[in-house]
């Protein structure tokens, strides 16, 4: 699926097999032993949903930093787990073709 013919529509309830895109924060390690981590930037993750349930299992297609600093910790080819609320907070969108 090329980026030229892809439209992104809001997706409140994704299904297995959907290609999803959302934003999530990039955190720095905490500067105190029990401190709250600092937000350094934001990244956009594009992934395919493989399983649903209490947590979603996703295969990452692409991850890129869109603002701020910090290192993107998610790489293409990784399998990640995210809560459904994390995707909702990150403005989850579903890919559709023309």
C-alpha atoms as a PDB file:
ATOM      1  CA  UNK A   1       0.000   0.000   0.000  1.00  0.00           C
ATOM      2  CA  UNK A   2       1.727   3.180  -1.156  1.00  0.00           C
ATOM      3  CA  UNK A   3       1.359   6.432   0.745  1.00  0.00           C
ATOM      4  CA  UNK A   4       0.106   8.275  -2.368  1.00  0.00           C
ATOM      5  CA  UNK A   5      -3.180   6.370  -2.602  1.00  0.00           C
ATOM      6  CA  UNK A   6      -3.818   5.982   1.129  1.00  0.00           C
ATOM      7  CA  UNK A   7      -6.429   7.971   3.023  1.00  0.00           C
ATOM      8  CA  UNK A   8      -6.549   7.930   6.813  1.00  0.00           C
ATOM      9  CA  UNK A   9      -9.975   7.884   8.464  1.00  0.00           C
ATOM     10  CA  UNK A  10     -10.663   8.026  12.227  1.00  0.00           C
ATOM     11  CA  UNK A  11     -11.063   4.505  13.607  1.00  0.00           C
ATOM     12  CA  UNK A  12     -12.740   4.195  17.026  1.00  0.00           C
ATOM     13  CA  UNK A  13     -13.045   0.380  16.806  1.00  0.00           C
ATOM     14  CA  UNK A  14     -10.305  -1.312  14.749  1.00  0.00           C
ATOM     15  CA  UNK A  15     -10.558  -4.898  13.532  1.00  0.00           C
ATOM     16  CA  UNK A  16      -7.881  -7.566  13.058  1.00  0.00           C
ATOM     17  CA  UNK A  17      -5.997  -6.982   9.814  1.00  0.00           C
ATOM     18  CA  UNK A  18      -6.486  -3.189   9.762  1.00  0.00           C
ATOM     19  CA  UNK A  19      -3.535  -0.911   9.076  1.00  0.00           C
ATOM     20  CA  UNK A  20      -3.540   1.706  11.830  1.00  0.00           C
ATOM     21  CA  UNK A  21      -1.641   4.927  12.504  1.00  0.00           C
ATOM     22  CA  UNK A  22      -1.478   6.855  15.786  1.00  0.00           C
ATOM     23  CA  UNK A  23       0.749   9.240  17.727  1.00  0.00           C
ATOM     24  CA  UNK A  24       2.371   8.437  21.055  1.00  0.00           C
ATOM     25  CA  UNK A  25       4.840  10.224  23.354  1.00  0.00           C
ATOM     26  CA  UNK A  26       8.571   9.559  23.516  1.00  0.00           C
ATOM     27  CA  UNK A  27       9.728   9.476  27.134  1.00  0.00           C
ATOM     28  CA  UNK A  28      13.202  10.036  28.568  1.00  0.00           C
ATOM     29  CA  UNK A  29      14.382   7.805  31.410  1.00  0.00           C
ATOM     30  CA  UNK A  30      13.390   9.230  34.812  1.00  0.00           C
ATOM     31  CA  UNK A  31      16.034  11.405  36.447  1.00  0.00           C
ATOM     32  CA  UNK A  32      15.207  10.092  39.931  1.00  0.00           C
ATOM     33  CA  UNK A  33      14.871   6.482  41.104  1.00  0.00           C
ATOM     34  CA  UNK A  34      11.098   6.812  41.598  1.00  0.00           C
ATOM     35  CA  UNK A  35      10.578   9.877  39.416  1.00  0.00           C
ATOM     36  CA  UNK A  36       8.082  10.387  36.641  1.00  0.00           C
ATOM     37  CA  UNK A  37       9.621  10.111  33.157  1.00  0.00           C
ATOM     38  CA  UNK A  38       9.845  13.335  31.147  1.00  0.00           C
ATOM     39  CA  UNK A  39       8.137  13.599  27.768  1.00  0.00           C
ATOM     40  CA  UNK A  40      10.777  14.497  25.170  1.00  0.00           C
ATOM     41  CA  UNK A  41       8.817  14.327  21.935  1.00  0.00           C
ATOM     42  CA  UNK A  42       6.197  12.507  19.927  1.00  0.00           C
ATOM     43  CA  UNK A  43       6.314   9.672  17.406  1.00  0.00           C
ATOM     44  CA  UNK A  44       3.882   8.410  14.774  1.00  0.00           C
ATOM     45  CA  UNK A  45       3.501   4.641  14.570  1.00  0.00           C
ATOM     46  CA  UNK A  46       2.002   2.761  11.612  1.00  0.00           C
ATOM     47  CA  UNK A  47       1.185  -0.904  12.285  1.00  0.00           C
ATOM     48  CA  UNK A  48      -1.049  -3.820  11.344  1.00  0.00           C
ATOM     49  CA  UNK A  49      -3.418  -5.084  14.034  1.00  0.00           C
ATOM     50  CA  UNK A  50      -2.847  -8.828  14.591  1.00  0.00           C
ATOM     51  CA  UNK A  51      -4.975  -9.582  17.698  1.00  0.00           C
ATOM     52  CA  UNK A  52      -7.492  -7.824  19.921  1.00  0.00           C
ATOM     53  CA  UNK A  53      -8.465  -8.310  23.529  1.00  0.00           C
ATOM     54  CA  UNK A  54      -7.372  -6.589  26.729  1.00  0.00           C
ATOM     55  CA  UNK A  55      -4.330  -5.419  24.767  1.00  0.00           C
ATOM     56  CA  UNK A  56      -3.823  -5.127  21.015  1.00  0.00           C
ATOM     57  CA  UNK A  57      -0.953  -7.001  19.359  1.00  0.00           C
ATOM     58  CA  UNK A  58       0.488  -5.022  16.440  1.00  0.00           C
ATOM     59  CA  UNK A  59       3.229  -5.532  13.832  1.00  0.00           C
ATOM     60  CA  UNK A  60       5.044  -2.240  13.229  1.00  0.00           C
ATOM     61  CA  UNK A  61       5.418  -1.084   9.627  1.00  0.00           C
ATOM     62  CA  UNK A  62       6.964   2.316  10.354  1.00  0.00           C
ATOM     63  CA  UNK A  63       7.765   4.583  13.300  1.00  0.00           C
ATOM     64  CA  UNK A  64       9.006   8.134  12.934  1.00  0.00           C
ATOM     65  CA  UNK A  65       9.631  11.054  15.253  1.00  0.00           C
ATOM     66  CA  UNK A  66       7.279  13.928  14.456  1.00  0.00           C
ATOM     67  CA  UNK A  67       8.225  16.435  17.164  1.00  0.00           C
ATOM     68  CA  UNK A  68      10.710  17.132  19.926  1.00  0.00           C
ATOM     69  CA  UNK A  69      13.747  15.045  20.721  1.00  0.00           C
ATOM     70  CA  UNK A  70      14.399  11.610  22.068  1.00  0.00           C
ATOM     71  CA  UNK A  71      15.046   8.303  20.397  1.00  0.00           C
ATOM     72  CA  UNK A  72      12.276   6.360  18.657  1.00  0.00           C
ATOM     73  CA  UNK A  73      12.298   3.012  20.453  1.00  0.00           C
ATOM     74  CA  UNK A  74       9.866   1.231  18.140  1.00  0.00           C
ATOM     75  CA  UNK A  75      11.376  -0.076  14.905  1.00  0.00           C
ATOM     76  CA  UNK A  76       9.871  -1.508  11.716  1.00  0.00           C
ATOM     77  CA  UNK A  77       9.363  -5.254  12.094  1.00  0.00           C
ATOM     78  CA  UNK A  78       8.825  -5.120  15.885  1.00  0.00           C
ATOM     79  CA  UNK A  79       5.755  -6.678  17.446  1.00  0.00           C
ATOM     80  CA  UNK A  80       4.270  -4.391  20.088  1.00  0.00           C
ATOM     81  CA  UNK A  81       1.377  -4.482  22.540  1.00  0.00           C
ATOM     82  CA  UNK A  82      -0.789  -1.455  23.280  1.00  0.00           C
ATOM     83  CA  UNK A  83      -3.960  -0.900  25.287  1.00  0.00           C
ATOM     84  CA  UNK A  84      -6.963   0.197  23.224  1.00  0.00           C
ATOM     85  CA  UNK A  85      -7.079   3.454  25.217  1.00  0.00           C
ATOM     86  CA  UNK A  86      -3.518   4.298  24.130  1.00  0.00           C
ATOM     87  CA  UNK A  87      -4.558   4.188  20.493  1.00  0.00           C
ATOM     88  CA  UNK A  88      -7.685   6.233  21.204  1.00  0.00           C
ATOM     89  CA  UNK A  89      -5.639   8.935  22.965  1.00  0.00           C
ATOM     90  CA  UNK A  90      -3.231   9.020  20.010  1.00  0.00           C
ATOM     91  CA  UNK A  91      -5.988   9.763  17.451  1.00  0.00           C
ATOM     92  CA  UNK A  92      -6.020   6.308  15.866  1.00  0.00           C
ATOM     93  CA  UNK A  93      -6.708   6.306  12.117  1.00  0.00           C
ATOM     94  CA  UNK A  94      -7.364   3.448   9.687  1.00  0.00           C
ATOM     95  CA  UNK A  95      -5.878   3.229   6.187  1.00  0.00           C
ATOM     96  CA  UNK A  96      -8.201   3.131   3.208  1.00  0.00           C
ATOM     97  CA  UNK A  97      -7.298   3.135  -0.481  1.00  0.00           C
ATOM     98  CA  UNK A  98      -8.867   5.196  -3.247  1.00  0.00           C
END
